[in-house]
Amino acid sequence: MKILVSVKRVIDYNAKVRVKADNSDVDLANVKMALNPFCEIAVEEAIRLKEAGVASEVVVVSIGPKTVQEQLRTALALGADRAIQIDTEQMPEPLNVAKLLAKVVEAEQPGLVILGKQSIDSDNNQTGQMLAALTGRPQGTFASAVKVEGDKAVVTREVDGGLRTVELALPAIVTTDLRLNEPRYAKLPDIMKAKKKPLEVKTPTDLGVELKQHIELLKVEAPAARQAGIKVDSVDALVDKLKNEAKVI
């Protein structure tokens, strides 16, 4: 079975995010970029399935300019077999991403597609669900456990009330949650080997997809600074402040 994993280049979660002076977007100048953490989990799960003998090949795909090849090479160093870059100057919105991935799925015919449930930059949590709809494949979102049994995938999902286990007929779409696994670190020899692994570059035109804008970014603002806490002398004073100042009770 072939597994396709979609990955995204985002600001490193340890880096401090800055907003541009004109509030038009986030400032990416001189900022460390990395694999989206949920995408790392998706790559790790695919590699574990390959190591377990469930999958024969792991293919990673990313959408964006040439700079995304850095993250694709990282995924190759972690254990993926080959990579595909869909070359676009700007990162398209979720629906366009899903349309591009649907064309890759059509061409590659993977038995399982694994995506991070969301990216930490836009936090939309939409692409996996849209991809399932476009490809007509069953989906298991927010996965905290994945087992492949014959022609079925058993996915344990994180839901508000606890855990829910669903059985999906393969081929299927799975999106990963934080508790699914702990991603490994790439070893230096594997990083060197990744430079020689195949990386194919395609364009939206090659895939027959016209990128249309449905969402307009109006403004980006930094979150308000948190106010310092205060100490109170009694329970009565605490209740008074919660009721009259914070107005939460």
Protein backbone atom coordinates (compact mmCIF):
# COMPACT_ATOMS: atom_id res chain seq x y z
CA MET A 1 0.00 0.00 0.00
CA LYS A 2 1.15 3.51 -0.80
CA ILE A 3 0.67 6.31 1.75
CA LEU A 4 0.48 9.97 0.72
CA VAL A 5 1.28 12.60 3.35
CA SER A 6 0.61 16.31 2.92
CA VAL A 7 2.98 18.66 4.76
CA LYS A 8 3.09 22.44 5.21
CA ARG A 9 5.86 24.97 5.86
CA VAL A 10 5.02 27.23 8.82
CA ILE A 11 6.76 29.49 11.31
CA ASP A 12 8.62 27.40 13.88
CA TYR A 13 6.41 27.09 16.96
CA ASN A 14 9.30 28.29 19.15
CA ALA A 15 9.69 31.52 17.16
CA LYS A 16 8.00 34.76 18.14
CA VAL A 17 5.39 35.79 15.58
CA ARG A 18 5.47 39.43 14.46
CA VAL A 19 2.76 41.34 12.63
CA LYS A 20 3.69 43.68 9.79
CA ALA A 21 3.50 47.40 10.55
CA ASP A 22 0.59 47.86 8.14
CA ASN A 23 -1.32 44.90 9.66
CA SER A 24 -1.52 43.28 6.24
CA ASP A 25 -0.08 39.92 7.32
CA VAL A 26 2.45 38.14 9.53
CA ASP A 27 6.07 39.21 9.02
CA LEU A 28 8.09 36.24 7.71
CA ALA A 29 11.37 38.10 7.27
CA ASN A 30 14.27 36.44 9.12
CA VAL A 31 11.93 34.02 10.88
CA LYS A 32 12.80 30.34 11.35
CA MET A 33 10.46 28.09 9.37
CA ALA A 34 9.71 24.43 10.06
CA LEU A 35 7.38 21.54 9.37
CA ASN A 36 3.92 22.10 10.79
CA PRO A 37 3.85 20.01 14.04
CA PHE A 38 0.69 18.14 13.03
CA CYS A 39 2.30 17.34 9.67
CA GLU A 40 5.34 15.93 11.50
CA ILE A 41 2.97 13.59 13.32
CA ALA A 42 1.42 12.57 9.99
CA VAL A 43 4.86 11.80 8.51
CA GLU A 44 5.82 9.80 11.60
CA GLU A 45 2.64 7.72 11.45
CA ALA A 46 3.17 6.93 7.78
CA ILE A 47 6.76 5.85 8.43
CA ARG A 48 5.66 3.65 11.34
CA LEU A 49 3.09 1.96 9.11
CA LYS A 50 5.82 1.33 6.54
CA GLU A 51 8.15 -0.07 9.21
CA ALA A 52 5.34 -2.36 10.36
CA GLY A 53 5.04 -3.75 6.82
CA VAL A 54 1.63 -2.18 6.22
CA ALA A 55 2.89 0.31 3.59
CA SER A 56 5.41 -0.17 0.81
CA GLU A 57 5.97 3.51 -0.05
CA VAL A 58 5.53 6.90 1.63
CA VAL A 59 5.13 9.95 -0.62
CA VAL A 60 5.13 13.48 0.80
CA VAL A 61 3.62 16.48 -0.96
CA SER A 62 3.76 20.19 -0.17
CA ILE A 63 2.35 23.29 -1.82
CA GLY A 64 4.24 26.55 -2.10
CA PRO A 65 7.37 28.19 -3.55
CA LYS A 66 10.79 26.56 -3.81
CA THR A 67 11.42 27.17 -0.10
CA VAL A 68 9.02 24.32 0.82
CA GLN A 69 11.61 21.91 -0.54
CA GLU A 70 13.43 22.36 2.77
CA GLN A 71 10.50 20.82 4.63
CA LEU A 72 10.08 18.11 1.98
CA ARG A 73 13.75 17.16 2.43
CA THR A 74 13.16 17.02 6.17
CA ALA A 75 10.30 14.57 5.62
CA LEU A 76 12.52 12.52 3.30
CA ALA A 77 15.21 12.46 5.98
CA LEU A 78 12.66 11.17 8.47
CA GLY A 79 11.95 8.21 6.21
CA ALA A 80 9.66 9.18 3.33
CA ASP A 81 10.63 7.68 -0.06
CA ARG A 82 9.94 10.54 -2.48
CA ALA A 83 8.47 14.01 -2.56
CA ILE A 84 6.27 16.21 -4.73
CA GLN A 85 6.29 20.01 -4.67
CA ILE A 86 3.34 21.86 -6.18
CA ASP A 87 4.94 25.17 -7.11
CA THR A 88 2.90 28.28 -6.21
CA GLU A 89 4.12 31.71 -5.15
CA GLN A 90 1.51 32.10 -2.42
CA MET A 91 0.09 29.48 -0.10
CA PRO A 92 -3.45 28.91 -1.42
CA GLU A 93 -6.54 28.73 0.78
CA PRO A 94 -7.83 25.36 2.05
CA LEU A 95 -10.26 24.67 -0.81
CA ASN A 96 -7.55 25.21 -3.43
CA VAL A 97 -5.15 23.05 -1.40
CA ALA A 98 -7.76 20.29 -1.29
CA LYS A 99 -8.32 20.54 -5.06
CA LEU A 100 -4.58 20.27 -5.74
CA LEU A 101 -4.21 17.33 -3.35
CA ALA A 102 -7.22 15.63 -4.94
CA LYS A 103 -5.41 15.67 -8.28
CA VAL A 104 -2.29 14.19 -6.67
CA VAL A 105 -4.45 11.50 -5.06
CA GLU A 106 -6.00 10.76 -8.44
CA ALA A 107 -2.55 10.36 -10.01
CA GLU A 108 -0.84 8.47 -7.16
CA GLN A 109 -3.80 6.33 -6.02
CA PRO A 110 -2.60 5.93 -2.40
CA GLY A 111 -4.35 3.48 -0.12
CA LEU A 112 -4.18 6.01 2.71
CA VAL A 113 -3.78 9.79 2.83
CA ILE A 114 -2.58 11.27 6.12
CA LEU A 115 -2.68 14.99 6.92
CA GLY A 116 -2.20 17.06 10.03
CA LYS A 117 -5.60 18.06 11.38
CA GLN A 118 -4.64 21.75 11.02
CA SER A 119 -1.70 24.07 10.52
CA ILE A 120 -0.53 26.27 13.37
CA ASP A 121 -0.50 29.41 11.22
CA SER A 122 -4.04 29.64 9.86
CA ASP A 123 -5.67 27.02 12.18
CA ASN A 124 -8.46 26.41 9.66
CA ASN A 125 -8.84 22.64 10.16
CA GLN A 126 -10.54 22.27 6.77
CA THR A 127 -8.27 20.69 4.18
CA GLY A 128 -8.60 17.04 5.23
CA GLN A 129 -12.38 17.18 5.30
CA MET A 130 -12.53 18.97 1.94
CA LEU A 131 -10.15 16.44 0.41
CA ALA A 132 -12.34 13.57 1.61
CA ALA A 133 -15.38 15.21 0.03
CA LEU A 134 -13.61 15.87 -3.29
CA THR A 135 -12.20 12.34 -3.56
CA GLY A 136 -15.27 10.55 -2.19
CA ARG A 137 -13.14 8.73 0.40
CA PRO A 138 -14.15 7.99 4.01
CA GLN A 139 -12.44 10.13 6.63
CA GLY A 140 -11.21 9.71 10.18
CA THR A 141 -10.35 13.09 11.68
CA PHE A 142 -8.47 14.00 14.90
CA ALA A 143 -6.86 10.55 15.03
CA SER A 144 -5.12 9.50 18.26
CA ALA A 145 -4.63 5.89 17.07
CA VAL A 146 -4.55 4.29 13.62
CA LYS A 147 -4.51 0.56 12.84
CA VAL A 148 -4.70 -0.94 9.37
CA GLU A 149 -6.38 -4.34 9.33
CA GLY A 150 -6.64 -5.83 5.85
CA ASP A 151 -8.71 -3.50 3.70
CA LYS A 152 -9.92 -1.49 6.73
CA ALA A 153 -8.43 1.30 8.82
CA VAL A 154 -9.51 1.49 12.47
CA VAL A 155 -9.17 5.06 13.70
CA THR A 156 -9.61 6.26 17.28
CA ARG A 157 -10.77 9.87 17.20
CA GLU A 158 -10.46 12.64 19.79
CA VAL A 159 -13.96 14.06 20.38
CA ASP A 160 -15.38 16.46 22.97
CA GLY A 161 -16.81 13.64 25.07
CA GLY A 162 -13.72 11.42 24.99
CA LEU A 163 -12.73 8.91 22.30
CA ARG A 164 -14.65 7.46 19.37
CA THR A 165 -13.44 4.53 17.24
CA VAL A 166 -14.48 4.29 13.60
CA GLU A 167 -13.74 1.72 10.89
CA LEU A 168 -12.94 3.09 7.43
CA ALA A 169 -12.89 1.16 4.18
CA LEU A 170 -9.62 1.80 2.36
CA PRO A 171 -8.68 3.95 0.51
CA ALA A 172 -9.33 6.62 3.16
CA ILE A 173 -8.32 10.02 4.52
CA VAL A 174 -6.97 10.45 8.07
CA THR A 175 -6.07 13.66 9.90
CA THR A 176 -3.77 13.48 12.91
CA ASP A 177 -4.12 14.78 16.46
CA LEU A 178 -1.34 15.46 18.96
CA ARG A 179 -1.65 12.19 20.89
CA LEU A 180 -1.16 9.95 17.86
CA ASN A 181 2.62 9.64 18.24
CA GLU A 182 5.90 11.34 19.13
CA PRO A 183 7.81 12.32 15.95
CA ARG A 184 11.42 11.17 15.65
CA TYR A 185 14.45 13.33 14.93
CA ALA A 186 16.27 13.02 11.62
CA LYS A 187 19.78 11.54 11.88
CA LEU A 188 22.67 13.13 10.02
CA PRO A 189 23.21 10.15 7.67
CA ASP A 190 19.49 10.20 6.79
CA ILE A 191 19.66 13.96 6.14
CA MET A 192 22.50 13.36 3.68
CA LYS A 193 20.64 10.49 1.99
CA ALA A 194 17.51 12.68 1.66
CA LYS A 195 19.39 14.97 -0.74
CA LYS A 196 19.49 12.14 -3.28
CA LYS A 197 15.87 11.04 -2.94
CA PRO A 198 13.55 12.02 -5.82
CA LEU A 199 11.70 15.33 -5.55
CA GLU A 200 9.28 16.10 -8.38
CA VAL A 201 8.05 19.63 -9.08
CA LYS A 202 4.60 20.21 -10.54
CA THR A 203 2.46 23.31 -11.06
CA PRO A 204 -1.28 23.82 -10.62
CA THR A 205 -1.49 24.01 -14.43
CA ASP A 206 0.14 20.58 -14.70
CA LEU A 207 -2.59 19.24 -12.43
CA GLY A 208 -5.38 21.05 -14.29
CA VAL A 209 -6.35 23.20 -11.31
CA GLU A 210 -7.15 26.91 -11.57
CA LEU A 211 -6.54 28.64 -8.25
CA LYS A 212 -9.45 30.93 -7.41
CA GLN A 213 -9.53 33.21 -4.41
CA HIS A 214 -12.60 32.81 -2.18
CA ILE A 215 -11.18 34.35 1.00
CA GLU A 216 -9.80 37.87 1.41
CA LEU A 217 -7.43 38.66 4.27
CA LEU A 218 -8.52 42.00 5.69
CA LYS A 219 -6.30 42.56 8.69
CA VAL A 220 -3.91 40.81 11.07
CA GLU A 221 -3.53 41.99 14.66
CA ALA A 222 -1.36 40.77 17.49
CA PRO A 223 -3.34 39.46 20.48
CA ALA A 224 -3.91 41.91 23.31
CA ALA A 225 -1.27 41.79 26.03
CA ARG A 226 -2.35 39.89 29.13
CA GLN A 227 -2.89 42.02 32.18
CA ALA A 228 -0.98 41.21 35.33
CA GLY A 229 -2.82 39.25 37.98
CA ILE A 230 -3.69 40.61 41.40
CA LYS A 231 -3.97 39.16 44.87
CA VAL A 232 -7.10 39.50 46.99
CA ASP A 233 -7.41 39.33 50.76
CA SER A 234 -10.51 37.18 51.04
CA VAL A 235 -12.96 34.96 49.24
CA ASP A 236 -15.55 37.74 49.40
CA ALA A 237 -13.18 40.12 47.59
CA LEU A 238 -12.50 37.46 44.94
CA VAL A 239 -16.20 36.87 44.35
CA ASP A 240 -16.81 40.62 44.14
CA LYS A 241 -14.15 41.08 41.46
CA LEU A 242 -15.32 38.07 39.47
CA LYS A 243 -18.86 39.34 39.57
CA ASN A 244 -18.42 43.11 39.11
CA GLU A 245 -15.13 43.47 37.22
CA ALA A 246 -14.59 40.30 35.24
CA LYS A 247 -18.36 39.69 35.01
CA VAL A 248 -17.91 35.94 34.75
CA ILE A 249 -20.35 35.02 37.49
